[in-house]
Amino acid sequence: MGPDCQTSIPLNDRVPFLEICKPRLPTGTEQADKLPTTPRLIKTYLPVQFVPQSFWQQRCRIIYVARNAKDNVVSYFHFARMNSALPEPGDWSSYLQEFMEGKRAFWSWYDHVNNWWEKKETYSNLYYMFYEDLIEDCGREIDRLCSFLGLSPSVEEKERVRASVTFDSMRQNKMTNYSDVKTMNHKVSPFMRKGKGGDWKNHFTVAQNEKFDEDYKQKMKNPDLKFRFEI
């Protein structure tokens, strides 16, 4: 697929969602089997223990993107508000509590990020990157990704990629902003909402933040895995 596909083919068709399964629509695995590109690009939210064994056996290159827990839960809350395919989120306070207890889709955020971090110690084809780093310096992260993937694009090619993946560019692109997905109500909350770090400060009360921090310390024991809660 050439660069023009970014403005002509919906992202979901270019990069199928592995575990998606909706009535009357092809499953994610069926979509992946029909991809015309080599190598194939496939996305997933699965915890590491549920990733198909063939991914490891075939030494697939895997890019894992993690976001700090506080901004993650805020983003997830607004996504649940606008997406009728997900359970009703309820009020913010109860949603936050359920997030801390790991009662949302794809289980505990804490287990998710920790288990994938552990996997990279034994699986060299896994690149673990942070959302906050992408926001801070997208060009730097593109360079690191190219190194991991063994790519040597020109300066012009890298700049074209950087310009097309900015938050504003993706928000305005109908192929990436999910404006045509019927289960998403962008009037409730846009799919591309803010794309910044630190928005949790506009949602957490002082008491909620203190409780969250205490719980976080109990669940995040690995000193090597560090998240930034502001940039």
C-alpha atoms as a PDB file:
ATOM      1  CA  MET A   1       0.000   0.000   0.000  1.00  0.00           C
ATOM      2  CA  GLY A   2       1.319   3.440  -0.965  1.00  0.00           C
ATOM      3  CA  PRO A   3       1.152   6.675   1.056  1.00  0.00           C
ATOM      4  CA  ASP A   4      -2.186   7.584  -0.583  1.00  0.00           C
ATOM      5  CA  CYS A   5      -3.894   4.702   1.227  1.00  0.00           C
ATOM      6  CA  GLN A   6      -3.747   6.798   4.418  1.00  0.00           C
ATOM      7  CA  THR A   7      -6.422   9.068   2.983  1.00  0.00           C
ATOM      8  CA  SER A   8      -8.395   6.496   0.982  1.00  0.00           C
ATOM      9  CA  ILE A   9      -8.561   3.255   3.027  1.00  0.00           C
ATOM     10  CA  PRO A  10      -9.933   3.163   6.611  1.00  0.00           C
ATOM     11  CA  LEU A  11      -7.326   2.287   9.223  1.00  0.00           C
ATOM     12  CA  ASN A  12      -9.321  -0.752  10.357  1.00  0.00           C
ATOM     13  CA  ASP A  13      -9.075  -2.220   6.864  1.00  0.00           C
ATOM     14  CA  ARG A  14      -5.337  -1.608   6.616  1.00  0.00           C
ATOM     15  CA  VAL A  15      -4.578  -2.827  10.151  1.00  0.00           C
ATOM     16  CA  PRO A  16      -7.194  -5.347  11.325  1.00  0.00           C
ATOM     17  CA  PHE A  17      -8.060  -5.711  14.993  1.00  0.00           C
ATOM     18  CA  LEU A  18      -7.078  -9.333  15.787  1.00  0.00           C
ATOM     19  CA  GLU A  19      -9.735 -10.148  18.403  1.00  0.00           C
ATOM     20  CA  ILE A  20     -12.658  -8.199  16.898  1.00  0.00           C
ATOM     21  CA  CYS A  21     -15.812 -10.249  16.524  1.00  0.00           C
ATOM     22  CA  LYS A  22     -19.066  -8.499  15.588  1.00  0.00           C
ATOM     23  CA  PRO A  23     -22.285  -9.992  14.182  1.00  0.00           C
ATOM     24  CA  ARG A  24     -22.501  -9.983  10.361  1.00  0.00           C
ATOM     25  CA  LEU A  25     -18.927  -8.709   9.980  1.00  0.00           C
ATOM     26  CA  PRO A  26     -15.687 -10.574   9.215  1.00  0.00           C
ATOM     27  CA  THR A  27     -13.679 -11.490  12.306  1.00  0.00           C
ATOM     28  CA  GLY A  28     -10.287  -9.969  12.883  1.00  0.00           C
ATOM     29  CA  THR A  29      -8.501 -13.174  11.921  1.00  0.00           C
ATOM     30  CA  GLU A  30     -10.492 -13.397   8.682  1.00  0.00           C
ATOM     31  CA  GLN A  31      -9.530  -9.803   7.841  1.00  0.00           C
ATOM     32  CA  ALA A  32      -5.890 -10.533   8.658  1.00  0.00           C
ATOM     33  CA  ASP A  33      -5.908 -13.575   6.342  1.00  0.00           C
ATOM     34  CA  LYS A  34      -7.023 -11.358   3.453  1.00  0.00           C
ATOM     35  CA  LEU A  35      -4.427  -8.626   3.885  1.00  0.00           C
ATOM     36  CA  PRO A  36      -2.569  -7.986   0.621  1.00  0.00           C
ATOM     37  CA  THR A  37       0.530  -6.540   2.296  1.00  0.00           C
ATOM     38  CA  THR A  38       3.747  -8.279   3.326  1.00  0.00           C
ATOM     39  CA  PRO A  39       4.601  -8.053   6.117  1.00  0.00           C
ATOM     40  CA  ARG A  40       1.119  -7.741   7.578  1.00  0.00           C
ATOM     41  CA  LEU A  41       0.244  -5.133  10.178  1.00  0.00           C
ATOM     42  CA  ILE A  42      -2.145  -6.417  12.871  1.00  0.00           C
ATOM     43  CA  LYS A  43      -3.244  -4.677  16.078  1.00  0.00           C
ATOM     44  CA  THR A  44      -4.401  -6.213  19.352  1.00  0.00           C
ATOM     45  CA  TYR A  45      -5.257  -5.259  22.920  1.00  0.00           C
ATOM     46  CA  LEU A  46      -4.693  -8.789  24.206  1.00  0.00           C
ATOM     47  CA  PRO A  47      -2.774  -9.477  27.422  1.00  0.00           C
ATOM     48  CA  VAL A  48       0.502 -11.178  26.546  1.00  0.00           C
ATOM     49  CA  GLN A  49      -0.687 -14.629  27.699  1.00  0.00           C
ATOM     50  CA  PHE A  50      -3.520 -14.626  25.118  1.00  0.00           C
ATOM     51  CA  VAL A  51      -1.424 -13.752  22.068  1.00  0.00           C
ATOM     52  CA  PRO A  52      -1.497 -16.695  19.608  1.00  0.00           C
ATOM     53  CA  GLN A  53       1.525 -18.974  19.950  1.00  0.00           C
ATOM     54  CA  SER A  54       2.261 -18.595  16.235  1.00  0.00           C
ATOM     55  CA  PHE A  55       3.307 -14.987  16.856  1.00  0.00           C
ATOM     56  CA  TRP A  56       6.173 -16.157  19.065  1.00  0.00           C
ATOM     57  CA  GLN A  57       7.011 -19.215  16.989  1.00  0.00           C
ATOM     58  CA  GLN A  58       7.340 -17.155  13.813  1.00  0.00           C
ATOM     59  CA  ARG A  59       9.362 -14.485  15.604  1.00  0.00           C
ATOM     60  CA  CYS A  60       6.934 -11.725  14.647  1.00  0.00           C
ATOM     61  CA  ARG A  61       8.107  -8.207  15.393  1.00  0.00           C
ATOM     62  CA  ILE A  62       5.834  -6.731  18.065  1.00  0.00           C
ATOM     63  CA  ILE A  63       5.494  -3.069  19.050  1.00  0.00           C
ATOM     64  CA  TYR A  64       3.790  -2.564  22.418  1.00  0.00           C
ATOM     65  CA  VAL A  65       2.596   0.942  23.309  1.00  0.00           C
ATOM     66  CA  ALA A  66       1.870   1.704  26.957  1.00  0.00           C
ATOM     67  CA  ARG A  67       0.342   4.839  28.452  1.00  0.00           C
ATOM     68  CA  ASN A  68       0.445   5.972  32.075  1.00  0.00           C
ATOM     69  CA  ALA A  69      -2.417   4.596  34.150  1.00  0.00           C
ATOM     70  CA  LYS A  70      -4.056   7.903  35.066  1.00  0.00           C
ATOM     71  CA  ASP A  71      -4.342   9.244  31.528  1.00  0.00           C
ATOM     72  CA  ASN A  72      -5.252   5.740  30.386  1.00  0.00           C
ATOM     73  CA  VAL A  73      -8.283   5.481  32.666  1.00  0.00           C
ATOM     74  CA  VAL A  74      -9.480   8.991  31.707  1.00  0.00           C
ATOM     75  CA  SER A  75      -9.200   8.192  27.996  1.00  0.00           C
ATOM     76  CA  TYR A  76     -10.879   4.810  28.500  1.00  0.00           C
ATOM     77  CA  PHE A  77     -13.754   6.427  30.428  1.00  0.00           C
ATOM     78  CA  HIS A  78     -14.536   8.886  27.629  1.00  0.00           C
ATOM     79  CA  PHE A  79     -14.166   6.142  25.024  1.00  0.00           C
ATOM     80  CA  ALA A  80     -16.703   4.016  26.915  1.00  0.00           C
ATOM     81  CA  ARG A  81     -19.090   6.983  27.056  1.00  0.00           C
ATOM     82  CA  MET A  82     -19.117   7.398  23.270  1.00  0.00           C
ATOM     83  CA  ASN A  83     -18.845   3.759  22.179  1.00  0.00           C
ATOM     84  CA  SER A  84     -22.109   1.796  22.398  1.00  0.00           C
ATOM     85  CA  ALA A  85     -20.190  -1.434  21.728  1.00  0.00           C
ATOM     86  CA  LEU A  86     -18.795  -1.181  25.274  1.00  0.00           C
ATOM     87  CA  PRO A  87     -20.698  -1.496  28.576  1.00  0.00           C
ATOM     88  CA  GLU A  88     -22.063   1.738  30.038  1.00  0.00           C
ATOM     89  CA  PRO A  89     -19.228   3.311  32.056  1.00  0.00           C
ATOM     90  CA  GLY A  90     -21.436   4.764  34.801  1.00  0.00           C
ATOM     91  CA  ASP A  91     -20.112   7.750  36.746  1.00  0.00           C
ATOM     92  CA  TRP A  92     -16.431   8.684  36.855  1.00  0.00           C
ATOM     93  CA  SER A  93     -15.878   7.697  40.476  1.00  0.00           C
ATOM     94  CA  SER A  94     -17.205   4.148  40.106  1.00  0.00           C
ATOM     95  CA  TYR A  95     -15.434   3.732  36.766  1.00  0.00           C
ATOM     96  CA  LEU A  96     -12.119   4.695  38.351  1.00  0.00           C
ATOM     97  CA  GLN A  97     -12.660   2.172  41.151  1.00  0.00           C
ATOM     98  CA  GLU A  98     -13.461  -0.614  38.698  1.00  0.00           C
ATOM     99  CA  PHE A  99     -10.390   0.246  36.641  1.00  0.00           C
ATOM    100  CA  MET A 100      -8.234  -0.103  39.754  1.00  0.00           C
ATOM    101  CA  GLU A 101      -9.828  -3.483  40.420  1.00  0.00           C
ATOM    102  CA  GLY A 102      -9.163  -4.689  36.871  1.00  0.00           C
ATOM    103  CA  LYS A 103     -12.854  -5.073  36.051  1.00  0.00           C
ATOM    104  CA  ARG A 104     -12.758  -3.493  32.604  1.00  0.00           C
ATOM    105  CA  ALA A 105     -12.217  -5.080  29.186  1.00  0.00           C
ATOM    106  CA  PHE A 106      -8.803  -6.696  28.697  1.00  0.00           C
ATOM    107  CA  TRP A 107      -8.406  -7.051  32.460  1.00  0.00           C
ATOM    108  CA  SER A 108      -6.031  -5.221  34.754  1.00  0.00           C
ATOM    109  CA  TRP A 109      -3.934  -2.393  33.287  1.00  0.00           C
ATOM    110  CA  TYR A 110      -1.287  -3.220  35.894  1.00  0.00           C
ATOM    111  CA  ASP A 111      -1.023  -6.880  34.853  1.00  0.00           C
ATOM    112  CA  HIS A 112      -1.115  -5.899  31.186  1.00  0.00           C
ATOM    113  CA  VAL A 113       1.844  -3.493  31.250  1.00  0.00           C
ATOM    114  CA  ASN A 114       3.881  -5.556  33.718  1.00  0.00           C
ATOM    115  CA  ASN A 115       3.475  -8.862  31.885  1.00  0.00           C
ATOM    116  CA  TRP A 116       4.372  -7.363  28.512  1.00  0.00           C
ATOM    117  CA  TRP A 117       7.410  -5.710  30.121  1.00  0.00           C
ATOM    118  CA  GLU A 118       8.536  -9.085  31.461  1.00  0.00           C
ATOM    119  CA  LYS A 119       8.035 -10.684  28.040  1.00  0.00           C
ATOM    120  CA  LYS A 120      10.518  -8.327  26.395  1.00  0.00           C
ATOM    121  CA  GLU A 121      13.233  -9.731  28.673  1.00  0.00           C
ATOM    122  CA  THR A 122      12.943 -13.126  26.962  1.00  0.00           C
ATOM    123  CA  TYR A 123      11.637 -12.133  23.512  1.00  0.00           C
ATOM    124  CA  SER A 124      14.022  -9.867  21.608  1.00  0.00           C
ATOM    125  CA  ASN A 125      11.580  -8.998  18.790  1.00  0.00           C
ATOM    126  CA  LEU A 126       9.419  -6.958  21.162  1.00  0.00           C
ATOM    127  CA  TYR A 127       9.781  -3.176  21.248  1.00  0.00           C
ATOM    128  CA  TYR A 128       8.165  -1.540  24.298  1.00  0.00           C
ATOM    129  CA  MET A 129       7.375   2.121  23.803  1.00  0.00           C
ATOM    130  CA  PHE A 130       5.593   4.805  25.804  1.00  0.00           C
ATOM    131  CA  TYR A 131       2.786   7.112  24.674  1.00  0.00           C
ATOM    132  CA  GLU A 132       4.371   9.988  26.587  1.00  0.00           C
ATOM    133  CA  ASP A 133       7.616   9.619  24.606  1.00  0.00           C
ATOM    134  CA  LEU A 134       5.652   9.790  21.353  1.00  0.00           C
ATOM    135  CA  ILE A 135       4.025  13.051  22.409  1.00  0.00           C
ATOM    136  CA  GLU A 136       7.297  14.501  23.655  1.00  0.00           C
ATOM    137  CA  ASP A 137       9.360  13.800  20.514  1.00  0.00           C
ATOM    138  CA  CYS A 138       7.653  11.943  17.690  1.00  0.00           C
ATOM    139  CA  GLY A 139      10.663  12.243  15.365  1.00  0.00           C
ATOM    140  CA  ARG A 140      12.941  10.568  17.905  1.00  0.00           C
ATOM    141  CA  GLU A 141      10.489   7.703  18.372  1.00  0.00           C
ATOM    142  CA  ILE A 142      10.182   7.214  14.600  1.00  0.00           C
ATOM    143  CA  ASP A 143      13.994   6.891  14.453  1.00  0.00           C
ATOM    144  CA  ARG A 144      13.920   4.280  17.232  1.00  0.00           C
ATOM    145  CA  LEU A 145      11.158   2.353  15.503  1.00  0.00           C
ATOM    146  CA  CYS A 146      13.058   2.377  12.214  1.00  0.00           C
ATOM    147  CA  SER A 147      16.089   0.980  14.015  1.00  0.00           C
ATOM    148  CA  PHE A 148      13.994  -1.799  15.583  1.00  0.00           C
ATOM    149  CA  LEU A 149      12.343  -2.642  12.262  1.00  0.00           C
ATOM    150  CA  GLY A 150      15.568  -2.496  10.268  1.00  0.00           C
ATOM    151  CA  LEU A 151      14.316   0.327   8.044  1.00  0.00           C
ATOM    152  CA  SER A 152      16.366   3.153   6.528  1.00  0.00           C
ATOM    153  CA  PRO A 153      13.900   5.709   5.161  1.00  0.00           C
ATOM    154  CA  SER A 154      15.031   9.015   3.731  1.00  0.00           C
ATOM    155  CA  VAL A 155      14.707  12.244   5.695  1.00  0.00           C
ATOM    156  CA  GLU A 156      11.766  13.190   3.441  1.00  0.00           C
ATOM    157  CA  GLU A 157       9.991   9.859   4.051  1.00  0.00           C
ATOM    158  CA  LYS A 158      10.382  10.170   7.813  1.00  0.00           C
ATOM    159  CA  GLU A 159       9.071  13.728   7.745  1.00  0.00           C
ATOM    160  CA  ARG A 160       6.048  12.638   5.708  1.00  0.00           C
ATOM    161  CA  VAL A 161       5.294   9.948   8.287  1.00  0.00           C
ATOM    162  CA  ARG A 162       5.799  12.342  11.202  1.00  0.00           C
ATOM    163  CA  ALA A 163       3.436  14.910   9.676  1.00  0.00           C
ATOM    164  CA  SER A 164       0.733  12.324   8.965  1.00  0.00           C
ATOM    165  CA  VAL A 165       0.704  10.828  12.470  1.00  0.00           C
ATOM    166  CA  THR A 166       0.383  14.039  14.469  1.00  0.00           C
ATOM    167  CA  PHE A 167      -2.771  14.144  16.575  1.00  0.00           C
ATOM    168  CA  ASP A 168      -4.288  17.009  14.582  1.00  0.00           C
ATOM    169  CA  SER A 169      -3.563  15.302  11.272  1.00  0.00           C
ATOM    170  CA  MET A 170      -5.165  12.028  12.380  1.00  0.00           C
ATOM    171  CA  ARG A 171      -8.132  13.849  13.924  1.00  0.00           C
ATOM    172  CA  GLN A 172      -8.878  15.516  10.589  1.00  0.00           C
ATOM    173  CA  ASN A 173      -8.314  12.373   8.508  1.00  0.00           C
ATOM    174  CA  LYS A 174     -11.596  10.453   8.004  1.00  0.00           C
ATOM    175  CA  MET A 175      -9.595   7.273   7.479  1.00  0.00           C
ATOM    176  CA  THR A 176      -8.194   7.465  11.025  1.00  0.00           C
ATOM    177  CA  ASN A 177     -10.688   9.429  13.140  1.00  0.00           C
ATOM    178  CA  TYR A 178     -13.371   6.672  13.198  1.00  0.00           C
ATOM    179  CA  SER A 179     -16.052   9.170  12.204  1.00  0.00           C
ATOM    180  CA  ASP A 180     -17.741   6.507  10.054  1.00  0.00           C
ATOM    181  CA  VAL A 181     -18.067   3.884  12.839  1.00  0.00           C
ATOM    182  CA  LYS A 182     -21.775   3.578  13.652  1.00  0.00           C
ATOM    183  CA  THR A 183     -21.278   2.446  17.264  1.00  0.00           C
ATOM    184  CA  MET A 184     -19.350   5.616  18.137  1.00  0.00           C
ATOM    185  CA  ASN A 185     -21.154   8.835  19.025  1.00  0.00           C
ATOM    186  CA  HIS A 186     -18.662  11.648  18.498  1.00  0.00           C
ATOM    187  CA  LYS A 187     -21.166  14.174  19.855  1.00  0.00           C
ATOM    188  CA  VAL A 188     -20.786  12.565  23.294  1.00  0.00           C
ATOM    189  CA  SER A 189     -17.004  12.595  23.057  1.00  0.00           C
ATOM    190  CA  PRO A 190     -14.788  12.596  19.944  1.00  0.00           C
ATOM    191  CA  PHE A 191     -12.747   9.449  19.337  1.00  0.00           C
ATOM    192  CA  MET A 192      -9.713  11.691  18.840  1.00  0.00           C
ATOM    193  CA  ARG A 193     -10.271  13.663  22.034  1.00  0.00           C
ATOM    194  CA  LYS A 194      -7.131  15.471  23.269  1.00  0.00           C
ATOM    195  CA  GLY A 195      -4.008  13.420  22.598  1.00  0.00           C
ATOM    196  CA  LYS A 196      -2.044  15.038  25.429  1.00  0.00           C
ATOM    197  CA  GLY A 197      -0.372  13.939  28.633  1.00  0.00           C
ATOM    198  CA  GLY A 198      -1.609  14.991  32.068  1.00  0.00           C
ATOM    199  CA  ASP A 199      -5.345  15.350  31.350  1.00  0.00           C
ATOM    200  CA  TRP A 200      -5.958  13.175  34.425  1.00  0.00           C
ATOM    201  CA  LYS A 201      -5.450  16.314  36.530  1.00  0.00           C
ATOM    202  CA  ASN A 202      -8.766  17.612  35.161  1.00  0.00           C
ATOM    203  CA  HIS A 203     -10.618  14.498  36.389  1.00  0.00           C
ATOM    204  CA  PHE A 204      -9.024  13.156  39.590  1.00  0.00           C
ATOM    205  CA  THR A 205      -9.986  14.728  42.892  1.00  0.00           C
ATOM    206  CA  VAL A 206      -7.225  15.071  45.503  1.00  0.00           C
ATOM    207  CA  ALA A 207      -8.690  12.136  47.457  1.00  0.00           C
ATOM    208  CA  GLN A 208      -8.997   9.972  44.329  1.00  0.00           C
ATOM    209  CA  ASN A 209      -5.409  10.746  43.392  1.00  0.00           C
ATOM    210  CA  GLU A 210      -4.081   9.825  46.829  1.00  0.00           C
ATOM    211  CA  LYS A 211      -6.012   6.543  46.846  1.00  0.00           C
ATOM    212  CA  PHE A 212      -4.879   5.756  43.310  1.00  0.00           C
ATOM    213  CA  ASP A 213      -1.219   6.457  44.130  1.00  0.00           C
ATOM    214  CA  GLU A 214      -1.326   4.135  47.141  1.00  0.00           C
ATOM    215  CA  ASP A 215      -2.915   1.352  45.102  1.00  0.00           C
ATOM    216  CA  TYR A 216      -0.429   1.965  42.265  1.00  0.00           C
ATOM    217  CA  LYS A 217       2.550   1.453  44.595  1.00  0.00           C
ATOM    218  CA  GLN A 218       1.176  -1.923  45.651  1.00  0.00           C
ATOM    219  CA  LYS A 219       0.739  -3.169  42.082  1.00  0.00           C
ATOM    220  CA  MET A 220       3.780  -1.691  40.321  1.00  0.00           C
ATOM    221  CA  LYS A 221       6.714  -3.413  42.010  1.00  0.00           C
ATOM    222  CA  ASN A 222       9.183  -3.496  39.101  1.00  0.00           C
ATOM    223  CA  PRO A 223      11.580  -0.531  39.561  1.00  0.00           C
ATOM    224  CA  ASP A 224      12.682  -0.767  35.904  1.00  0.00           C
ATOM    225  CA  LEU A 225       9.199  -0.037  34.537  1.00  0.00           C
ATOM    226  CA  LYS A 226       8.637   3.679  35.009  1.00  0.00           C
ATOM    227  CA  PHE A 227       5.753   5.777  33.668  1.00  0.00           C
ATOM    228  CA  ARG A 228       5.584   9.565  33.409  1.00  0.00           C
ATOM    229  CA  PHE A 229       2.329  11.152  34.541  1.00  0.00           C
ATOM    230  CA  GLU A 230       3.156  14.500  33.007  1.00  0.00           C
ATOM    231  CA  ILE A 231       5.484  15.681  30.276  1.00  0.00           C
END
